[in-house]
Amino acid sequence: MYKFLYQEKKDTVISKQVLRSGTAIGAQSRKDFISKLSIAYKEARETNYWLRLLRDTNFINQDQAASLLLDCEELLKITGSILKTTKDKTDT
């Protein structure tokens, strides 16, 4: 997506934002893991917003958007589930 926006659409602002928000995942201790995963979840939600914006303004076509949004939503589900499980284990 980054390469497409940067090279084909000549967009630097949104392409870099998509790259940053899509790669902001990492962790260390359990507390850090929860913190970083919370950030990753937030960034994935933001990426979802940007992808919908790109679709709705016709920067990307419907097929590209559908595929990317499906992937993003899957990441949100996975990240949300891991976050919930980790928090539940930490609270017990």
Protein backbone atom coordinates (compact mmCIF):
# COMPACT_ATOMS: atom_id res chain seq x y z
CA MET A 1 0.00 0.00 0.00
CA TYR A 2 2.83 2.38 0.93
CA LYS A 3 4.62 1.81 -2.39
CA PHE A 4 1.41 2.19 -4.36
CA LEU A 5 0.49 5.49 -2.70
CA TYR A 6 4.02 6.81 -2.84
CA GLN A 7 4.92 5.75 -6.37
CA GLU A 8 1.60 5.65 -8.23
CA LYS A 9 -0.32 8.43 -6.49
CA LYS A 10 2.76 10.52 -5.63
CA ASP A 11 1.43 10.98 -2.12
CA THR A 12 3.96 11.31 0.68
CA VAL A 13 1.83 12.34 3.65
CA ILE A 14 -0.80 9.59 3.67
CA SER A 15 1.60 6.93 2.39
CA LYS A 16 4.00 7.60 5.27
CA GLN A 17 1.12 7.70 7.75
CA VAL A 18 -0.13 4.31 6.51
CA LEU A 19 3.41 2.92 6.77
CA ARG A 20 3.92 4.26 10.30
CA SER A 21 0.53 3.21 11.63
CA GLY A 22 0.78 -0.22 10.04
CA THR A 23 4.20 -1.02 11.46
CA ALA A 24 3.86 0.33 15.01
CA ILE A 25 3.83 -3.09 16.71
CA GLY A 26 6.36 -4.40 19.24
CA ALA A 27 6.74 -5.26 22.91
CA GLN A 28 9.01 -6.33 25.81
CA SER A 29 7.71 -6.99 29.35
CA ARG A 30 4.07 -7.97 29.97
CA LYS A 31 3.28 -4.39 30.99
CA ASP A 32 5.13 -3.09 27.95
CA PHE A 33 3.42 -5.74 25.82
CA ILE A 34 -0.01 -4.51 26.91
CA SER A 35 1.01 -0.91 26.38
CA LYS A 36 2.47 -1.57 22.93
CA LEU A 37 -0.40 -3.81 21.91
CA SER A 38 -2.86 -1.12 22.98
CA ILE A 39 -0.97 1.31 20.78
CA ALA A 40 -0.93 -1.22 17.92
CA TYR A 41 -4.68 -1.67 18.25
CA LYS A 42 -5.19 2.10 18.17
CA GLU A 43 -2.89 2.40 15.15
CA ALA A 44 -4.76 -0.36 13.35
CA ARG A 45 -8.02 1.50 13.99
CA GLU A 46 -6.39 4.62 12.58
CA THR A 47 -5.14 2.68 9.56
CA ASN A 48 -8.69 1.43 9.05
CA TYR A 49 -9.84 5.07 9.03
CA TRP A 50 -7.19 6.09 6.48
CA LEU A 51 -8.00 3.14 4.24
CA ARG A 52 -11.69 4.02 4.28
CA LEU A 53 -10.79 7.64 3.51
CA LEU A 54 -8.61 6.54 0.59
CA ARG A 55 -11.45 4.36 -0.71
CA ASP A 56 -14.12 7.02 -0.26
CA THR A 57 -12.03 9.65 -2.07
CA ASN A 58 -11.16 7.20 -4.88
CA PHE A 59 -7.42 7.24 -4.18
CA ILE A 60 -7.64 3.46 -4.26
CA ASN A 61 -10.22 1.34 -6.04
CA GLN A 62 -12.93 -0.72 -4.37
CA ASP A 63 -11.07 -4.04 -4.84
CA GLN A 64 -7.88 -2.71 -3.29
CA ALA A 65 -9.83 -1.18 -0.44
CA ALA A 66 -11.85 -4.33 0.22
CA SER A 67 -8.74 -6.48 0.44
CA LEU A 68 -6.82 -4.05 2.63
CA LEU A 69 -9.78 -3.35 4.90
CA LEU A 70 -10.38 -7.08 5.32
CA ASP A 71 -6.73 -7.53 6.35
CA CYS A 72 -6.91 -4.54 8.68
CA GLU A 73 -10.11 -5.77 10.31
CA GLU A 74 -8.53 -9.19 10.81
CA LEU A 75 -5.55 -7.54 12.51
CA LEU A 76 -7.95 -5.61 14.73
CA LYS A 77 -9.70 -8.83 15.75
CA ILE A 78 -6.43 -10.64 16.45
CA THR A 79 -4.87 -7.71 18.29
CA GLY A 80 -8.04 -7.08 20.30
CA SER A 81 -8.28 -10.74 21.28
CA ILE A 82 -4.62 -10.94 22.36
CA LEU A 83 -4.99 -7.71 24.31
CA LYS A 84 -8.09 -8.96 26.12
CA THR A 85 -6.50 -12.32 26.94
CA THR A 86 -3.29 -10.72 28.16
CA LYS A 87 -5.17 -8.22 30.33
CA ASP A 88 -7.35 -10.99 31.77
CA LYS A 89 -4.25 -13.05 32.67
CA THR A 90 -2.58 -10.01 34.23
CA ASP A 91 -5.64 -9.20 36.37
CA THR A 92 -5.81 -12.71 37.89
